[in-house]
Protein backbone atom coordinates (compact mmCIF):
# COMPACT_ATOMS: atom_id res chain seq x y z
CA MET A 1 102.56 109.63 100.97
CA VAL A 2 104.50 112.43 101.14
CA SER A 3 107.15 113.28 98.00
CA SER A 4 110.15 112.86 100.61
CA ASP A 5 108.83 109.11 100.70
CA ARG A 6 108.35 108.74 96.98
CA SER A 7 111.98 110.36 96.51
CA ALA A 8 112.99 107.97 98.66
CA PHE A 9 111.78 104.52 97.10
CA GLU A 10 113.12 106.37 93.94
CA ALA A 11 116.73 106.74 94.81
CA ALA A 12 116.33 103.05 96.85
CA ILE A 13 115.40 101.57 93.51
CA ASP A 14 118.13 103.19 91.03
CA GLN A 15 120.70 101.55 93.93
CA LEU A 16 119.22 98.37 93.00
CA GLU A 17 118.58 98.84 89.90
CA ALA A 18 122.57 100.19 89.43
CA ALA A 19 123.69 96.72 90.90
CA LEU A 20 121.90 94.89 88.61
CA ARG A 21 123.61 96.72 85.30
CA GLU A 22 127.24 96.75 86.46
CA CYS A 23 127.31 93.31 87.95
CA PRO A 24 130.08 91.47 85.51
CA ASP A 25 128.46 88.32 84.97
CA ASP A 26 131.08 86.03 86.68
CA LEU A 27 129.38 87.92 89.99
CA TRP A 28 125.75 86.55 88.58
CA ASP A 29 125.59 83.22 90.40
CA ARG A 30 128.05 84.05 92.93
CA SER A 31 126.88 84.30 97.00
CA VAL A 32 126.73 87.58 98.68
CA TRP A 33 127.10 86.81 102.22
CA VAL A 34 127.88 82.89 103.81
CA VAL A 35 124.53 80.92 103.95
CA LYS A 36 124.72 79.16 107.19
CA LYS A 37 122.73 75.83 108.69
CA THR A 38 121.26 77.67 111.33
CA ASP A 39 120.27 80.38 109.24
CA PRO A 40 115.92 80.89 109.12
CA TRP A 41 114.59 78.63 106.47
CA ILE A 42 117.70 77.14 105.06
CA TRP A 43 118.11 73.79 106.70
CA PRO A 44 115.63 70.61 107.13
CA LYS A 45 113.79 71.46 110.92
CA ASP A 46 114.15 67.35 111.17
CA GLY A 47 118.18 68.48 111.02
CA GLN A 48 119.31 66.03 108.32
CA ALA A 49 120.27 66.91 105.07
CA HIS A 50 117.66 66.14 102.65
CA GLY A 51 119.62 66.46 99.97
CA ARG A 52 121.22 69.78 100.96
CA THR A 53 125.32 70.13 101.30
CA GLU A 54 126.82 73.45 102.59
CA GLU A 55 127.51 74.15 99.15
CA SER A 56 124.44 73.56 97.60
CA ILE A 57 122.59 76.06 100.28
CA GLN A 58 124.84 78.83 98.99
CA VAL A 59 122.39 79.55 96.10
CA PHE A 60 120.38 81.31 98.59
CA SER A 61 122.51 84.39 98.73
CA THR A 62 123.35 84.30 94.53
CA PHE A 63 123.17 88.11 93.52
CA TRP A 64 120.60 87.23 91.42
CA LEU A 65 118.45 85.74 93.72
CA VAL A 66 118.91 87.89 96.23
CA ALA A 67 117.93 90.87 93.86
CA TYR A 68 114.83 89.03 92.59
CA HIS A 69 113.93 88.45 96.60
CA CYS A 70 113.94 92.02 97.03
CA LEU A 71 112.15 93.24 93.46
CA PHE A 72 109.40 90.43 94.45
CA PHE A 73 108.53 91.65 98.09
CA LEU A 74 109.26 95.21 96.85
CA ASP A 75 106.28 94.43 94.83
CA PHE A 76 104.53 92.30 96.95
CA TYR A 77 104.65 94.97 100.28
CA LEU A 78 102.80 97.67 97.87
CA TRP A 79 99.48 95.52 98.26
CA ASP A 80 97.75 96.75 100.73
CA GLY A 81 95.93 93.49 101.90
CA THR A 82 92.74 93.95 100.20
CA GLY A 83 91.37 92.31 97.40
CA GLU A 84 94.02 89.74 95.55
CA TRP A 85 97.70 89.79 94.59
CA ALA A 86 99.43 88.12 92.40
CA THR A 87 103.25 87.96 91.02
CA PRO A 88 103.08 89.04 87.61
CA PRO A 89 102.94 86.64 84.76
CA THR A 90 106.74 86.47 84.26
CA PHE A 91 107.88 85.98 87.50
CA ALA A 92 104.68 83.65 88.52
CA GLY A 93 105.65 80.14 89.96
CA GLY A 94 109.62 81.96 90.75
CA PRO A 95 111.34 80.63 93.77
CA GLU A 96 109.29 83.90 96.35
CA ASP A 97 106.07 81.48 95.02
CA GLU A 98 107.49 77.97 96.44
CA SER A 99 106.31 77.55 99.75
CA ILE A 100 108.28 75.97 102.17
CA ASP A 101 109.05 72.13 101.44
CA GLU A 102 107.93 69.01 103.80
CA HIS A 103 111.30 69.41 105.75
CA GLY A 104 110.26 73.03 106.56
CA ALA A 105 113.20 74.29 104.76
CA ALA A 106 112.74 76.94 101.67
CA ARG A 107 113.28 75.47 98.49
CA PRO A 108 115.86 76.03 96.22
CA PRO A 109 115.40 77.80 92.81
CA ASN A 110 113.49 76.23 90.39
CA VAL A 111 114.75 79.11 88.14
CA ARG A 112 117.46 81.20 87.23
CA TYR A 113 116.69 85.05 86.37
CA THR A 114 118.70 87.23 83.46
CA ARG A 115 119.88 90.10 83.79
CA GLU A 116 117.23 91.55 81.27
CA GLN A 117 114.08 90.02 83.45
CA LEU A 118 115.34 91.52 86.48
CA LEU A 119 115.96 95.17 85.32
CA ASP A 120 111.78 94.29 83.60
CA TYR A 121 110.96 93.35 87.27
CA ALA A 122 112.76 96.64 88.70
CA THR A 123 111.07 98.77 86.03
CA TYR A 124 107.72 97.04 86.83
CA GLY A 125 108.47 97.72 90.97
CA ARG A 126 109.54 101.16 89.67
CA GLU A 127 106.20 101.89 88.09
CA ARG A 128 104.03 100.61 90.31
CA ALA A 129 105.48 102.23 93.55
CA ARG A 130 104.75 105.49 91.59
CA ARG A 131 101.50 104.42 91.23
CA VAL A 132 100.95 103.23 94.66
CA LEU A 133 102.50 105.59 96.59
CA GLY A 134 100.94 108.41 94.63
CA GLU A 135 97.62 106.92 94.86
CA VAL A 136 97.58 106.14 98.32
CA SER A 137 94.93 107.60 100.65
CA PRO A 138 94.72 107.98 104.39
CA SER A 139 92.56 105.77 104.85
CA GLN A 140 94.58 102.96 103.02
CA LEU A 141 97.71 103.54 105.02
CA ARG A 142 95.83 102.85 108.27
CA LEU A 143 94.45 99.47 106.95
CA VAL A 144 95.89 96.34 108.54
CA MET A 145 97.38 93.64 106.92
CA PRO A 146 95.34 90.61 106.86
CA LYS A 147 96.20 87.16 108.92
CA GLY A 148 98.23 84.72 106.73
CA HIS A 149 100.02 88.25 105.57
CA PRO A 150 104.11 88.08 106.46
CA ARG A 151 103.33 91.23 108.29
CA ALA A 152 100.14 90.57 109.55
CA GLY A 153 98.91 93.31 112.14
CA GLN A 154 100.68 95.86 111.00
CA SER A 155 99.31 99.07 109.33
CA PHE A 156 99.87 99.34 105.29
CA ARG A 157 101.54 102.61 106.31
CA ALA A 158 103.95 100.24 108.38
CA VAL A 159 104.49 97.78 105.53
CA ILE A 160 105.34 100.46 103.36
CA ARG A 161 108.27 101.83 105.36
CA ALA A 162 109.37 98.17 105.60
CA ASN A 163 109.58 97.87 102.39
CA LEU A 164 111.65 101.03 101.80
CA GLU A 165 114.12 99.42 104.13
CA HIS A 166 114.16 96.48 102.54
CA VAL A 167 115.04 97.92 98.90
CA ARG A 168 118.05 99.96 100.74
CA GLU A 169 119.14 97.32 101.99
CA HIS A 170 119.15 94.72 99.75
CA GLY A 171 120.51 97.59 96.96
CA SER A 172 123.26 98.76 99.74
CA GLN A 173 123.99 94.79 99.73
CA LEU A 174 124.29 94.55 96.01
CA ALA A 175 126.15 97.30 94.93
CA GLU A 176 128.26 96.47 97.97
CA PHE A 177 129.51 93.39 96.31
CA VAL A 178 129.50 94.51 92.95
CA ALA A 179 132.05 97.24 93.94
CA SER A 180 134.21 94.66 95.74
CA GLY A 181 134.56 92.90 93.00
CA GLY A 182 133.08 90.24 94.41
CA ILE A 183 133.90 89.55 97.63
CA THR A 184 131.70 87.00 99.75
CA THR A 185 130.90 88.74 103.42
CA PRO A 186 130.83 86.26 106.56
């Protein structure tokens, strides 16, 4: 990859990491945006609540869970689709490892990560990005993601670029949320 791609990843991870460090404790469990029943994967497909409420689904946009989601996919989308990939042991079995439930909706988180845990995950993701982006070959960039991958049919190069935009998007959202003092956007 070109050095500008590596620099862009560094800057995006810097922003995300700064938001993690600067988030006041009272905002850690607050929703960054309003989650709606109509958002993808939020409400059971059959339309029944199955224990969910408008209030309970706000967990899907809490500061810590958005940060974890971003870090999980930073790591996952640095995988070229060959061989095996697994979540780091500290985060194995976390919310992104959980499958959609029997009603077709995302499962509520089964853990709550601390600032220190997510900062460690950010360090892990940064080191992994440096390694992968520093060693990736032109032929590896042309690899196509396999069936079953969320970006099946796309080249690894396209996945890396989407990964960068994903980290930028969530890093920016989290930074703005902290800067606003926790004003939730609709």
